[in-house]
Structures are given as C-alpha cells and as structure tokens.
Amino acid sequence: MSKDPRVVKEELIQIYPKKLRQKRSEQIVVTEHREDGSVPEIKANVRSSPGIITQRGCTYAGCKGVVIGPSRDILSIVHGPIGCSFYAWLTRRNQTRPATLDDQNFITYCLSTDMQEENIVFGGEKKLKEAVREAFKLFNPKAIAIFSTCPVGLIGDDVHAVARDMKAELGINVFGFSCEGYRGVSQSAGHHIANNGVFKHIIGNNETPHEEKFKVNMLGEYNIGGDGFVLEDLLARCGIKQIATFSGNSTYDTMANAHTADLNIVMCHRSINYVAQMMETRFGIPWMKVNFIGAEASAKSLRRIAEYFEDAELSARVEQVIAEEMPAVEAKRAEVKARCQGKTAMLFVGGSRAHHYQMLFSEMGMKTIAAGYEFGHRDDYEGRKILPGLKVDADSRNIEEITVVPDPELYRARRTPEQVAKLEAMTELEFRDYIGMMPEMDDDVLVIDDLSHHETERLLEIYKPDIFCAGIKEKFGVQKMGIPCKQLHSYDYGGPYAGFRGAINFYHDIDRMVNMKIWSFVNPPWQPQAEQLKEVAAD
C-alpha cells in the first residue's frame, strides 16, 4: 500500500521543536502540478539549523573542490590548516587526460600553507607569499589560485593583495578567492565565488582562433568518472567543436579561450549559471540548459544544439549519431527493465543531479518516490521563472556582485533578439531558462531541501526504497539499514554515466545493486532478527 506523502511529511517533522518544525515544513513539499502551470513553493538556500546533521559542504568546498579543482594546470594553494586541503583533495574522482606526458597536470597534488597557531595570532600573509614563490619554483605553472579557509577570514589575511603582489613579481596569473567556509549557506556560495573569479581573471585572456563551424562551451560538467570524455567525443562525432569545459578535464588556456565559442550549454545549472549569464552580457554568447544524463535526454540535447545552429548537415549528422547509439541502449534497457520495473529510488544529491538522474531511473522502469538538493535554490526546484520575485537575503550579500557590460572589443552578438525569438517560436529551444526539477516530476512525490540525518532514517524506515542515491557521508549509514546507496557525487567506482554509453553503464550498475540478494542479510533497526531470518529463508 502506497504511503500518503503528506502524512509522511508530518511524521518526519513531528519530533522537532516548534520553530524548527515550521522551518522544515516549508522546506518539505509534495509535488503538485496546478492549473496555472505552477508548482508548490519550497524554502531553499537557507542556513541549516544548529544540531541537525546535514549533507551539505562548505563554501570553500564548492569553490575549490567543485569548480576550480578539476582544472589540471591551475596550481591550487589552500591558505589555511592542512585539514581543509585534505578535505578537497581527490575526493570527487575528477578525471583528466593531458594531450602528452609533458603537459602539466597538478590534480594529484595537495598544496597548503598549513597554518599554525603562530600564523593565526600574527597573520599568515608572509607565509602565503613564501608558499606561492616555492610553488612557482617547483612547478612553473601558468596560473596559481589561492583559496581562503575559515581562519583566514577571521584574522583578516588579504589573499587578493598577496595575489596581486605575486602576479607582479612572478609574471604569471595569480588570483585569490574569498571562499571561507562560513561565508555562505552551503557549497553553492563557493560556486558563485568561483564563477566570479574565473570570469574576472581567466575568461578572455586567450585569443586563439578556431575555424570550426560549430563551437560550444560545456558548462557545469566536471568529468566525474569520465563523463566529460564521453560527451566531448559525442559532440566531436556530430561535428561540434568543444572549446572549453567548466571545468572537467579543463586547462587554463581553454577556459581563457571560452569567449570564442558561439553557444554555452549548461549541465549543472546551480554551479555555473552565473558564468553563463555574465558571458552572454560581455561577449554575446547565448546559453541554454541541456541534460546528457539518460539516453532520451542526450538525444534531445543534441537535437537542440543542432536546432540552434540551423544547419541541415549538422542535424543530419546528429540524427545519424543517435541512430548509431540507440540500438545498444535499447537492448540493455530492455534487459534490465524486466528486473527493475516498479522498483523505487530516492535521490538527494547536490546540483542538478537529483533532477537529471530521475530520467535514467525512469528509463529503467523505476519510480522516484522522494528527491531533493543539498545546495539548491528555489529556481533549481521551481524553475527560473520565479527569479524576478526573489529578494536578496543577507547571506547572498556576502558574495560579490559583478557589474558586467559588453566588452568594447570582444562582444559579438551570436544571435539577435529577433533571431532568438524566431528560434524559440519555431522550435523547443529556450534560452536563459531552466524549467527546474519539480515541474518534471510526478504528482504526490516528496521533495525535501537540505535533508537531515533524522529525516533520512525515517524515510528509509517508512518507504524502504530499493536504492538511495546520495554522497559519501550518507552511504554507509544507509547501507547498514539494508538499502544500497549509490554515490552520485563521485559514482563510487563506476561511471561514466553521461551520454548513451553512460546510460548503458548506469543501467548495468543499478540493476546489479537493486537486485543483489546481499541486502536481505542486513538487519535494519526496524526489523526484528526473527522476522529477517524468515524473509531470508523465503528467498
């Protein structure tokens, strides 16, 4: 018998004190598609309540660990205690592939100023300068990025002044990020800070021309488990040149050259939409949301890119590539669907992944019964149409707002407003927009922002889903309750999961997880031992 999600919502929050109960009530909604096309309003991007065990990470993690970390030849130096450096070191399985063995690749390195008590008391700027000089001497990088951690903000070290001094002294691009962990609500603030820094200090610094007819940037793709390799190859087979990725498998030069593209395609909306908007204003490059997670979604995204360029030959090539890929996808899907049909999934993952991966589960015949974001904003849930009505809160004011104007030399409108309006009218293209997660979900599904540990345990006990998708902090606690947990931040040891080949990999891995008998031998807290033994014997 199915559970009423409204009743479940009350069960989740009844244990909380009155004030917290009210707050969580606004952060937990049940999906509903109203006659006017709207969905329920959800409270998001607010600080986690003290005492709650949250899934979230800090602002520093979003800046260094997510956006800048995957770039292989920007040398990252963390100004702070050594623990902060370790936290963001090789934790996300960002893959990279240098063109030659001689190309610079710093992803495997962990550089820190290792601040001690002396530096906290007397200041750490001198130590930071020494670290930058030492790093330059050892690695001779094209660029050095400096990341602030919580103590740096508290004592007032000026990483930007240090960066300016070192840039003048060393003759390379050195820039800093005020991404102290406490600066924002979650890692989302770090994404925004990183977007601002990349835009100010990198994009537009490389004028290398490209003769290819169709040129794009892939934004919000971090090459987890090799996703980026699959997508770059897929675009190349269609005849589309990928200038830069932000920021999986990226280099300083490719990001500096990103302004030469003719279209920005956005995968993870939350982490990178700021760069997309600023690049359109300064350089005239339009952006649109895509999704390459799932075979059907990948096909739709390729067709949308072809529609943008309005080229019959490109459209024909895209259709040929789709036709080449789909038979293997359909064969694997039919195989696993027979075993996975009707099984249930929960997804509580960072940016757009909790939305995108619902498509893949749906292709397998599985149903999403609860979903939410760690660091999403209201527009990630409800769509960008709600943005004009949002008020800027105090936490958002902690993040620099850049005034962007068209570049007098580099601005070139790729499409006039009239051309954009014509494309939107004649096709399904939507520029500068994201529909959000909830409009594409079924009715009567729980959506929970910033899921707590208590709510996780209760959801598992009430629904007993066949699989739970989250991150490393949740993984082993969930599996001790007899339910497999798939990491969708780093894919455990799997992937790639993007594109057509990625869909096949995902079908295989999820089929194996949800149909593995080992979970029936785990005794969850709600199940008496005698009852569990009967179930095992019956199997």
Protein backbone atom coordinates (compact mmCIF):
# COMPACT_ATOMS: atom_id res chain seq x y z
CA MET A 1 0.00 0.00 0.00
CA SER A 2 1.44 3.40 -1.00
CA LYS A 3 2.17 5.96 1.69
CA ASP A 4 0.48 9.38 1.61
CA PRO A 5 3.44 11.77 1.28
CA ARG A 6 1.59 14.46 3.26
CA VAL A 7 1.27 12.10 6.20
CA VAL A 8 4.93 11.13 5.84
CA LYS A 9 5.92 14.78 5.88
CA GLU A 10 4.24 15.23 9.25
CA GLU A 11 5.94 12.10 10.57
CA LEU A 12 9.33 13.48 9.54
CA ILE A 13 8.99 16.81 11.33
CA GLN A 14 6.89 15.96 14.39
CA ILE A 15 9.98 15.34 16.55
CA TYR A 16 11.35 18.87 16.02
CA PRO A 17 10.82 21.87 18.32
CA LYS A 18 8.05 24.23 17.17
CA LYS A 19 10.24 26.82 15.44
CA LEU A 20 12.33 24.22 13.61
CA ARG A 21 9.20 22.25 12.74
CA GLN A 22 7.78 25.31 10.99
CA LYS A 23 11.00 25.90 9.08
CA ARG A 24 11.30 22.30 7.92
CA SER A 25 7.63 22.27 6.93
CA GLU A 26 8.45 24.97 4.37
CA GLN A 27 11.48 23.00 3.12
CA ILE A 28 9.48 19.80 2.57
CA VAL A 29 6.75 19.90 -0.07
CA VAL A 30 4.65 17.43 -2.03
CA THR A 31 4.72 17.87 -5.81
CA GLU A 32 1.60 19.12 -7.49
CA HIS A 33 1.02 20.46 -11.00
CA ARG A 34 -1.50 23.28 -10.71
CA GLU A 35 -3.85 24.56 -13.40
CA ASP A 36 -1.81 27.77 -13.82
CA GLY A 37 1.32 25.70 -14.51
CA SER A 38 2.95 26.45 -11.16
CA VAL A 39 4.32 24.04 -8.57
CA PRO A 40 4.43 24.42 -4.77
CA GLU A 41 6.85 26.98 -3.38
CA ILE A 42 9.75 25.48 -1.45
CA LYS A 43 12.06 27.20 1.00
CA ALA A 44 15.65 26.66 -0.14
CA ASN A 45 19.15 28.12 0.15
CA VAL A 46 18.72 28.90 3.84
CA ARG A 47 21.19 28.03 6.57
CA SER A 48 20.98 24.58 8.15
CA SER A 49 19.63 24.61 11.69
CA PRO A 50 22.12 24.08 14.54
CA GLY A 51 22.16 20.49 15.78
CA ILE A 52 20.91 18.99 12.52
CA ILE A 53 23.30 16.64 10.73
CA THR A 54 23.22 17.99 7.19
CA GLN A 55 24.51 16.60 3.89
CA ARG A 56 25.95 19.95 2.94
CA GLY A 57 29.53 21.04 2.45
CA CYS A 58 31.07 24.48 2.97
CA THR A 59 31.70 27.46 0.71
CA TYR A 60 35.37 26.55 0.33
CA ALA A 61 34.42 23.05 -0.85
CA GLY A 62 32.20 24.49 -3.57
CA CYS A 63 34.86 26.88 -4.82
CA LYS A 64 38.00 24.76 -4.66
CA GLY A 65 36.63 21.24 -4.65
CA VAL A 66 33.92 21.58 -7.28
CA VAL A 67 34.58 24.40 -9.75
CA ILE A 68 38.34 25.06 -9.80
CA GLY A 69 39.72 21.71 -8.64
CA PRO A 70 39.05 19.76 -11.88
CA SER A 71 41.23 22.12 -13.94
CA ARG A 72 44.52 20.33 -14.36
CA ASP A 73 47.08 23.10 -14.89
CA ILE A 74 45.88 25.79 -12.49
CA LEU A 75 48.02 25.25 -9.40
CA SER A 76 45.79 25.45 -6.33
CA ILE A 77 47.16 26.61 -2.98
CA VAL A 78 44.91 26.42 0.07
CA HIS A 79 45.62 29.09 2.66
CA GLY A 80 44.59 27.52 5.94
CA PRO A 81 45.03 24.47 8.18
CA ILE A 82 46.09 21.25 6.50
CA GLY A 83 42.77 19.54 7.15
CA CYS A 84 40.98 21.88 4.72
CA SER A 85 43.39 20.93 1.93
CA PHE A 86 42.93 17.24 2.58
CA TYR A 87 39.14 17.63 2.50
CA ALA A 88 39.18 18.87 -1.10
CA TRP A 89 41.97 16.61 -2.37
CA LEU A 90 40.97 13.94 -4.90
CA THR A 91 37.55 13.37 -3.31
CA ARG A 92 35.38 13.74 -6.42
CA ARG A 93 37.06 11.46 -8.99
CA ASN A 94 37.54 14.31 -11.49
CA GLN A 95 39.41 12.70 -14.35
CA THR A 96 41.74 14.45 -16.75
CA ARG A 97 43.66 13.50 -19.87
CA PRO A 98 46.70 15.61 -20.80
CA ALA A 99 47.50 15.60 -24.50
CA THR A 100 51.09 14.49 -23.87
CA LEU A 101 53.13 13.17 -20.97
CA ASP A 102 54.92 16.52 -20.83
CA ASP A 103 51.74 18.54 -20.28
CA GLN A 104 51.24 19.97 -16.81
CA ASN A 105 48.82 18.12 -14.55
CA PHE A 106 48.51 19.26 -10.93
CA ILE A 107 45.28 17.47 -10.00
CA THR A 108 47.10 14.86 -7.93
CA TYR A 109 48.87 17.48 -5.80
CA CYS A 110 47.68 18.94 -2.49
CA LEU A 111 49.30 22.29 -1.64
CA SER A 112 48.65 24.09 1.64
CA THR A 113 50.19 26.84 3.76
CA ASP A 114 49.50 24.59 6.77
CA MET A 115 48.63 27.48 9.09
CA GLN A 116 49.68 27.07 12.72
CA GLU A 117 48.81 28.97 15.90
CA GLU A 118 51.59 31.48 15.24
CA ASN A 119 50.08 32.38 11.88
CA ILE A 120 46.60 32.75 13.39
CA VAL A 121 47.92 35.17 16.02
CA PHE A 122 50.38 37.20 13.93
CA GLY A 123 48.94 36.76 10.45
CA GLY A 124 49.74 34.40 7.59
CA GLU A 125 50.29 36.66 4.57
CA LYS A 126 54.09 36.34 4.74
CA LYS A 127 53.80 32.55 4.86
CA LEU A 128 51.39 32.63 1.92
CA LYS A 129 53.82 34.65 -0.21
CA GLU A 130 56.59 32.19 0.59
CA ALA A 131 54.31 29.31 -0.39
CA VAL A 132 53.45 30.92 -3.73
CA ARG A 133 57.11 31.51 -4.51
CA GLU A 134 58.02 27.94 -3.59
CA ALA A 135 55.17 26.51 -5.67
CA PHE A 136 56.19 28.62 -8.67
CA LYS A 137 59.79 27.45 -8.38
CA LEU A 138 58.77 23.79 -8.14
CA PHE A 139 56.06 23.64 -10.80
CA ASN A 140 56.38 26.72 -13.06
CA PRO A 141 52.59 26.90 -13.64
CA LYS A 142 50.71 29.23 -15.97
CA ALA A 143 48.41 30.29 -13.15
CA ILE A 144 48.10 29.95 -9.38
CA ALA A 145 44.79 30.08 -7.49
CA ILE A 146 44.72 30.86 -3.75
CA PHE A 147 41.79 29.66 -1.65
CA SER A 148 40.80 31.15 1.70
CA THR A 149 39.55 28.97 4.55
CA CYS A 150 37.67 29.97 7.71
CA PRO A 151 40.66 31.13 9.83
CA VAL A 152 41.85 33.38 7.01
CA GLY A 153 38.61 35.31 7.02
CA LEU A 154 38.55 35.54 10.79
CA ILE A 155 42.06 37.01 11.11
CA GLY A 156 41.81 39.21 8.03
CA ASP A 157 44.61 37.95 5.77
CA ASP A 158 44.19 39.66 2.37
CA VAL A 159 44.71 36.91 -0.18
CA HIS A 160 43.83 39.29 -3.02
CA ALA A 161 46.62 41.71 -2.11
CA VAL A 162 49.05 38.80 -1.91
CA ALA A 163 47.84 37.56 -5.30
CA ARG A 164 48.39 40.98 -6.89
CA ASP A 165 51.90 41.22 -5.44
CA MET A 166 52.82 37.72 -6.60
CA LYS A 167 51.36 38.30 -10.05
CA ALA A 168 53.62 41.35 -10.46
CA GLU A 169 56.64 39.55 -9.03
CA LEU A 170 56.33 36.22 -10.89
CA GLY A 171 54.84 37.39 -14.18
CA ILE A 172 52.04 34.79 -14.23
CA ASN A 173 48.32 35.00 -13.47
CA VAL A 174 47.80 34.72 -9.69
CA PHE A 175 44.35 35.25 -8.22
CA GLY A 176 42.62 34.64 -4.92
CA PHE A 177 39.20 33.54 -3.73
CA SER A 178 37.49 34.77 -0.55
CA CYS A 179 35.76 31.43 -0.13
CA GLU A 180 35.91 30.98 3.64
CA GLY A 181 33.78 28.01 4.60
CA TYR A 182 31.34 30.04 6.69
CA ARG A 183 30.76 32.72 4.03
CA GLY A 184 27.57 31.24 2.59
CA VAL A 185 24.70 28.86 3.24
CA SER A 186 26.41 25.90 1.57
CA GLN A 187 28.87 24.98 -1.15
CA SER A 188 26.58 26.90 -3.52
CA ALA A 189 28.13 30.16 -2.30
CA GLY A 190 31.53 28.76 -3.26
CA HIS A 191 30.29 28.01 -6.77
CA HIS A 192 29.20 31.63 -7.14
CA ILE A 193 32.53 32.96 -5.82
CA ALA A 194 34.44 30.65 -8.17
CA ASN A 195 32.29 31.76 -11.13
CA ASN A 196 33.12 35.38 -10.37
CA GLY A 197 36.83 34.66 -10.09
CA VAL A 198 37.04 32.64 -13.30
CA PHE A 199 35.13 35.34 -15.15
CA LYS A 200 37.31 38.19 -13.85
CA HIS A 201 40.72 36.55 -14.03
CA ILE A 202 40.64 33.90 -16.79
CA ILE A 203 37.96 34.14 -19.50
CA GLY A 204 39.03 36.33 -22.41
CA ASN A 205 42.79 36.01 -21.92
CA ASN A 206 43.42 33.69 -24.88
CA GLU A 207 42.62 34.88 -28.41
CA THR A 208 43.49 31.65 -30.27
CA PRO A 209 41.04 31.47 -33.23
CA HIS A 210 39.12 28.35 -34.27
CA GLU A 211 37.97 27.68 -37.81
CA GLU A 212 35.36 25.05 -36.93
CA LYS A 213 31.80 25.90 -37.95
CA PHE A 214 30.05 24.85 -34.72
CA LYS A 215 31.71 25.87 -31.46
CA VAL A 216 30.34 25.38 -27.93
CA ASN A 217 31.40 25.50 -24.29
CA MET A 218 30.20 22.82 -21.88
CA LEU A 219 29.40 24.45 -18.54
CA GLY A 220 28.81 22.58 -15.29
CA GLU A 221 30.35 19.28 -16.40
CA TYR A 222 33.09 18.10 -14.02
CA ASN A 223 34.21 14.84 -15.66
CA ILE A 224 33.25 12.64 -12.74
CA GLY A 225 34.17 9.08 -13.68
CA GLY A 226 34.97 10.19 -17.24
CA ASP A 227 31.60 11.76 -18.13
CA GLY A 228 33.36 14.65 -19.85
CA PHE A 229 35.38 12.34 -22.11
CA VAL A 230 32.18 10.68 -23.32
CA LEU A 231 30.46 13.99 -24.04
CA GLU A 232 33.41 15.58 -25.82
CA ASP A 233 33.67 12.52 -28.04
CA LEU A 234 29.92 12.57 -28.68
CA LEU A 235 29.98 16.21 -29.75
CA ALA A 236 33.04 15.64 -31.94
CA ARG A 237 31.29 12.79 -33.77
CA CYS A 238 28.49 15.22 -34.55
CA GLY A 239 30.96 17.76 -35.91
CA ILE A 240 30.74 20.12 -32.93
CA LYS A 241 33.92 21.66 -31.51
CA GLN A 242 34.04 21.90 -27.73
CA ILE A 243 36.19 24.93 -26.93
CA ALA A 244 36.15 24.71 -23.15
CA THR A 245 34.64 22.75 -20.30
CA PHE A 246 33.87 24.34 -16.95
CA SER A 247 35.68 22.64 -15.57
CA GLY A 248 36.20 18.89 -16.01
CA ASN A 249 39.37 17.99 -17.94
CA SER A 250 39.92 21.72 -18.46
CA THR A 251 43.06 23.80 -18.75
CA TYR A 252 43.79 27.44 -18.10
CA ASP A 253 44.15 28.12 -21.83
CA THR A 254 40.86 26.50 -22.85
CA MET A 255 38.90 28.45 -20.22
CA ALA A 256 40.73 31.64 -21.21
CA ASN A 257 39.64 30.96 -24.78
CA ALA A 258 35.99 30.23 -23.94
CA HIS A 259 34.77 33.59 -25.26
CA THR A 260 35.41 32.40 -28.83
CA ALA A 261 32.55 29.86 -28.70
CA ASP A 262 29.14 30.52 -30.25
CA LEU A 263 26.95 28.76 -27.66
CA ASN A 264 27.17 27.87 -23.99
CA ILE A 265 25.41 24.67 -22.98
CA VAL A 266 24.77 24.26 -19.26
CA MET A 267 24.66 20.90 -17.48
CA CYS A 268 24.72 21.71 -13.74
CA HIS A 269 22.62 24.85 -13.53
CA ARG A 270 23.33 25.69 -9.90
CA SER A 271 27.10 25.61 -10.01
CA ILE A 272 27.77 27.52 -13.22
CA ASN A 273 24.76 29.60 -14.35
CA TYR A 274 26.50 32.78 -13.18
CA VAL A 275 29.30 32.40 -15.73
CA ALA A 276 26.76 31.64 -18.46
CA GLN A 277 24.87 34.86 -17.76
CA MET A 278 27.99 37.02 -17.50
CA MET A 279 29.47 35.63 -20.72
CA GLU A 280 26.28 36.45 -22.61
CA THR A 281 26.38 40.03 -21.38
CA ARG A 282 30.09 40.61 -22.01
CA PHE A 283 30.73 38.52 -25.12
CA GLY A 284 27.29 37.97 -26.70
CA ILE A 285 27.24 34.17 -26.29
CA PRO A 286 23.73 32.82 -25.57
CA TRP A 287 23.22 29.90 -23.20
CA MET A 288 20.72 27.11 -22.86
CA LYS A 289 20.18 24.29 -20.39
CA VAL A 290 20.92 20.73 -21.55
CA ASN A 291 20.91 17.31 -19.93
CA PHE A 292 23.17 14.49 -21.10
CA ILE A 293 22.17 12.13 -18.28
CA GLY A 294 19.93 9.50 -19.88
CA ALA A 295 19.71 8.31 -23.47
CA GLU A 296 16.48 10.15 -24.29
CA ALA A 297 17.72 13.34 -22.64
CA SER A 298 21.04 13.09 -24.53
CA ALA A 299 19.26 12.73 -27.85
CA LYS A 300 17.04 15.71 -27.07
CA SER A 301 20.03 17.85 -26.08
CA LEU A 302 21.95 17.03 -29.27
CA ARG A 303 18.91 17.94 -31.35
CA ARG A 304 18.52 21.24 -29.52
CA ILE A 305 22.15 22.16 -30.21
CA ALA A 306 21.63 21.35 -33.91
CA GLU A 307 18.47 23.46 -33.97
CA TYR A 308 20.38 26.41 -32.55
CA PHE A 309 22.93 26.34 -35.38
CA GLU A 310 20.18 25.96 -38.03
CA ASP A 311 22.29 23.73 -40.24
CA ALA A 312 20.73 20.82 -42.14
CA GLU A 313 24.02 18.94 -42.45
CA LEU A 314 24.61 19.16 -38.69
CA SER A 315 21.07 17.99 -37.95
CA ALA A 316 21.53 15.01 -40.25
CA ARG A 317 24.81 14.12 -38.56
CA VAL A 318 23.22 14.35 -35.13
CA GLU A 319 20.43 12.01 -36.20
CA GLN A 320 22.99 9.57 -37.58
CA VAL A 321 24.92 9.52 -34.30
CA ILE A 322 21.71 9.00 -32.32
CA ALA A 323 20.72 6.14 -34.63
CA GLU A 324 24.15 4.54 -34.16
CA GLU A 325 23.92 4.71 -30.36
CA MET A 326 20.32 3.81 -29.59
CA PRO A 327 20.23 0.09 -30.54
CA ALA A 328 22.75 -0.84 -27.82
CA VAL A 329 20.93 1.41 -25.33
CA GLU A 330 17.54 -0.12 -26.11
CA ALA A 331 18.87 -3.66 -25.88
CA LYS A 332 20.41 -3.08 -22.44
CA ARG A 333 17.38 -1.16 -21.26
CA ALA A 334 15.02 -3.95 -22.21
CA GLU A 335 17.22 -6.45 -20.38
CA VAL A 336 17.33 -4.54 -17.09
CA LYS A 337 13.78 -3.21 -17.23
CA ALA A 338 12.43 -6.72 -16.87
CA ARG A 339 14.17 -6.93 -13.46
CA CYS A 340 13.86 -3.30 -12.32
CA GLN A 341 10.31 -2.39 -13.34
CA GLY A 342 8.39 -0.95 -10.39
CA LYS A 343 11.35 -0.63 -8.05
CA THR A 344 11.77 2.66 -6.16
CA ALA A 345 14.53 5.21 -5.77
CA MET A 346 15.32 8.26 -3.65
CA LEU A 347 17.76 10.93 -4.79
CA PHE A 348 19.30 13.55 -2.52
CA VAL A 349 22.27 14.96 -4.40
CA GLY A 350 23.81 18.37 -4.95
CA GLY A 351 23.10 20.49 -8.00
CA SER A 352 21.12 19.20 -10.97
CA ARG A 353 21.91 15.52 -10.42
CA ALA A 354 18.83 14.82 -8.29
CA HIS A 355 16.82 16.07 -11.28
CA HIS A 356 18.81 14.57 -14.16
CA TYR A 357 19.12 11.07 -12.75
CA GLN A 358 15.39 10.70 -12.34
CA MET A 359 15.31 10.41 -16.15
CA LEU A 360 17.67 7.44 -16.07
CA PHE A 361 15.68 5.66 -13.38
CA SER A 362 12.51 6.29 -15.37
CA GLU A 363 14.08 4.72 -18.46
CA MET A 364 14.65 1.57 -16.36
CA GLY A 365 11.02 1.46 -15.22
CA MET A 366 11.90 2.65 -11.70
CA LYS A 367 9.94 5.27 -9.78
CA THR A 368 11.36 8.22 -7.83
CA ILE A 369 9.47 8.49 -4.53
CA ALA A 370 11.49 11.31 -2.90
CA ALA A 371 14.15 13.74 -4.08
CA GLY A 372 15.91 16.93 -3.11
CA TYR A 373 19.04 19.04 -3.31
CA GLU A 374 21.82 19.68 -0.82
CA PHE A 375 22.52 23.19 -2.00
CA GLY A 376 19.77 24.02 -4.48
CA HIS A 377 17.98 27.36 -4.70
CA ARG A 378 14.29 27.87 -5.36
CA ASP A 379 14.87 28.22 -9.12
CA ASP A 380 16.53 24.79 -9.17
CA TYR A 381 13.30 23.34 -7.82
CA GLU A 382 10.64 25.57 -9.37
CA GLY A 383 12.37 26.97 -12.46
CA ARG A 384 13.96 30.31 -13.30
CA LYS A 385 10.57 31.94 -13.89
CA ILE A 386 10.36 32.65 -10.16
CA LEU A 387 13.61 34.66 -10.09
CA PRO A 388 12.09 38.13 -10.58
CA GLY A 389 10.12 37.72 -7.35
CA LEU A 390 13.07 36.66 -5.17
CA LYS A 391 14.54 39.02 -2.60
CA VAL A 392 18.29 39.16 -1.97
CA ASP A 393 18.95 37.85 1.54
CA ALA A 394 21.76 38.68 3.93
CA ASP A 395 23.80 35.57 3.06
CA SER A 396 23.71 36.37 -0.65
CA ARG A 397 25.06 39.86 0.09
CA ASN A 398 28.26 38.20 1.35
CA ILE A 399 29.06 37.34 -2.26
CA GLU A 400 30.44 39.95 -4.62
CA GLU A 401 28.07 41.01 -7.38
CA ILE A 402 29.99 41.87 -10.54
CA THR A 403 28.78 44.65 -12.81
CA VAL A 404 29.11 43.29 -16.33
CA VAL A 405 28.90 45.33 -19.53
CA PRO A 406 29.56 44.39 -23.18
CA ASP A 407 33.27 44.24 -23.96
CA PRO A 408 34.04 47.01 -26.48
CA GLU A 409 36.41 44.75 -28.46
CA LEU A 410 35.27 41.17 -27.82
CA TYR A 411 31.46 41.50 -27.77
CA ARG A 412 29.77 39.86 -30.76
CA ALA A 413 26.10 39.01 -30.61
CA ARG A 414 25.83 35.44 -31.92
CA ARG A 415 22.08 35.84 -32.29
CA THR A 416 19.99 39.00 -32.45
CA PRO A 417 16.93 39.25 -30.18
CA GLU A 418 14.79 38.73 -33.27
CA GLN A 419 16.67 35.55 -34.20
CA VAL A 420 16.32 34.23 -30.65
CA ALA A 421 12.59 34.91 -30.64
CA LYS A 422 12.23 33.18 -34.02
CA LEU A 423 14.15 30.11 -32.83
CA GLU A 424 12.07 29.85 -29.67
CA ALA A 425 8.85 30.18 -31.66
CA MET A 426 9.78 27.58 -34.29
CA THR A 427 11.47 25.02 -32.05
CA GLU A 428 11.52 23.78 -28.45
CA LEU A 429 14.57 25.90 -27.71
CA GLU A 430 14.50 28.00 -24.56
CA PHE A 431 17.37 30.38 -23.89
CA ARG A 432 18.44 31.65 -20.45
CA ASP A 433 15.99 29.26 -18.81
CA TYR A 434 15.79 26.17 -16.65
CA ILE A 435 12.45 24.52 -16.05
CA GLY A 436 13.50 23.20 -12.64
CA MET A 437 13.14 19.77 -11.05
CA MET A 438 9.58 19.77 -9.71
CA PRO A 439 7.77 20.61 -12.99
CA GLU A 440 9.19 17.39 -14.48
CA MET A 441 8.26 15.15 -11.53
CA ASP A 442 5.07 13.18 -10.98
CA ASP A 443 2.46 14.47 -8.58
CA ASP A 444 2.45 13.35 -4.95
CA VAL A 445 6.21 12.92 -4.58
CA LEU A 446 8.14 14.23 -1.58
CA VAL A 447 10.67 16.97 -2.30
CA ILE A 448 12.99 17.76 0.61
CA ASP A 449 15.58 20.52 0.68
CA ASP A 450 18.71 20.01 2.83
CA LEU A 451 17.75 16.53 4.04
CA SER A 452 18.78 15.82 7.65
CA HIS A 453 20.11 12.58 9.10
CA HIS A 454 16.95 12.08 11.16
CA GLU A 455 14.78 12.53 8.06
CA THR A 456 16.95 10.09 6.13
CA GLU A 457 16.47 7.36 8.73
CA ARG A 458 12.71 7.91 8.91
CA LEU A 459 12.33 7.93 5.11
CA LEU A 460 14.19 4.64 4.84
CA GLU A 461 12.11 3.08 7.60
CA ILE A 462 8.78 4.28 6.17
CA TYR A 463 9.35 3.71 2.43
CA LYS A 464 12.10 1.07 2.34
CA PRO A 465 13.22 2.15 -1.17
CA ASP A 466 15.15 -0.22 -3.39
CA ILE A 467 18.01 2.27 -3.73
CA PHE A 468 19.05 5.55 -2.12
CA CYS A 469 21.29 7.99 -4.02
CA ALA A 470 23.37 10.50 -2.07
CA GLY A 471 27.01 11.14 -1.13
CA ILE A 472 29.81 9.56 0.84
CA LYS A 473 28.62 10.91 4.22
CA GLU A 474 25.31 9.09 3.88
CA LYS A 475 26.45 5.97 2.05
CA PHE A 476 27.45 3.62 4.85
CA GLY A 477 24.78 4.68 7.30
CA VAL A 478 22.17 3.93 4.65
CA GLN A 479 23.68 0.57 3.74
CA LYS A 480 23.73 -0.51 7.39
CA MET A 481 19.96 -0.23 7.14
CA GLY A 482 19.87 -2.86 4.41
CA ILE A 483 19.41 -0.50 1.46
CA PRO A 484 22.02 0.02 -1.26
CA CYS A 485 23.32 3.57 -1.58
CA LYS A 486 24.73 4.88 -4.84
CA GLN A 487 27.03 7.87 -4.65
CA LEU A 488 26.02 10.27 -7.38
CA HIS A 489 28.66 12.86 -6.45
CA SER A 490 31.58 10.60 -7.30
CA TYR A 491 29.89 7.45 -8.68
CA ASP A 492 31.67 5.21 -6.15
CA TYR A 493 33.97 3.31 -8.53
CA GLY A 494 31.61 3.41 -11.52
CA GLY A 495 30.89 5.59 -14.50
CA PRO A 496 30.93 7.23 -16.85
CA TYR A 497 27.16 7.72 -16.72
CA ALA A 498 26.70 10.56 -19.22
CA GLY A 499 25.55 10.17 -22.82
CA PHE A 500 24.40 6.96 -24.46
CA ARG A 501 27.28 4.77 -23.32
CA GLY A 502 26.94 6.21 -19.85
CA ALA A 503 23.27 5.23 -19.75
CA ILE A 504 24.23 1.62 -20.51
CA ASN A 505 26.77 1.69 -17.67
CA PHE A 506 24.17 3.10 -15.30
CA TYR A 507 21.55 0.50 -16.26
CA HIS A 508 24.09 -2.24 -15.54
CA ASP A 509 25.28 -0.85 -12.19
CA ILE A 510 21.84 -0.04 -10.80
CA ASP A 511 20.37 -3.38 -11.95
CA ARG A 512 23.17 -5.14 -10.09
CA MET A 513 22.68 -3.08 -6.92
CA VAL A 514 18.90 -3.30 -6.58
CA ASN A 515 18.73 -6.99 -7.40
CA MET A 516 21.62 -8.14 -5.23
CA LYS A 517 20.48 -10.54 -2.50
CA ILE A 518 23.16 -9.46 -0.04
CA TRP A 519 20.96 -6.64 1.26
CA SER A 520 18.45 -9.15 2.62
CA PHE A 521 21.10 -10.34 5.07
CA VAL A 522 21.44 -6.91 6.69
CA ASN A 523 19.34 -6.50 9.80
CA PRO A 524 17.97 -2.91 9.81
CA PRO A 525 16.98 -1.35 13.15
CA TRP A 526 13.25 -1.62 12.46
CA GLN A 527 13.27 -5.34 11.64
CA PRO A 528 13.47 -7.98 14.42
CA GLN A 529 16.03 -10.73 13.85
CA ALA A 530 13.40 -13.50 13.70
CA GLU A 531 11.42 -11.68 11.03
CA GLN A 532 14.57 -11.11 8.98
CA LEU A 533 15.51 -14.80 9.10
CA LYS A 534 12.07 -15.76 7.82
CA GLU A 535 12.46 -13.40 4.84
CA VAL A 536 15.90 -14.79 4.02
CA ALA A 537 14.59 -18.38 4.23
CA ALA A 538 11.69 -17.45 1.93
CA ASP A 539 14.12 -16.04 -0.65
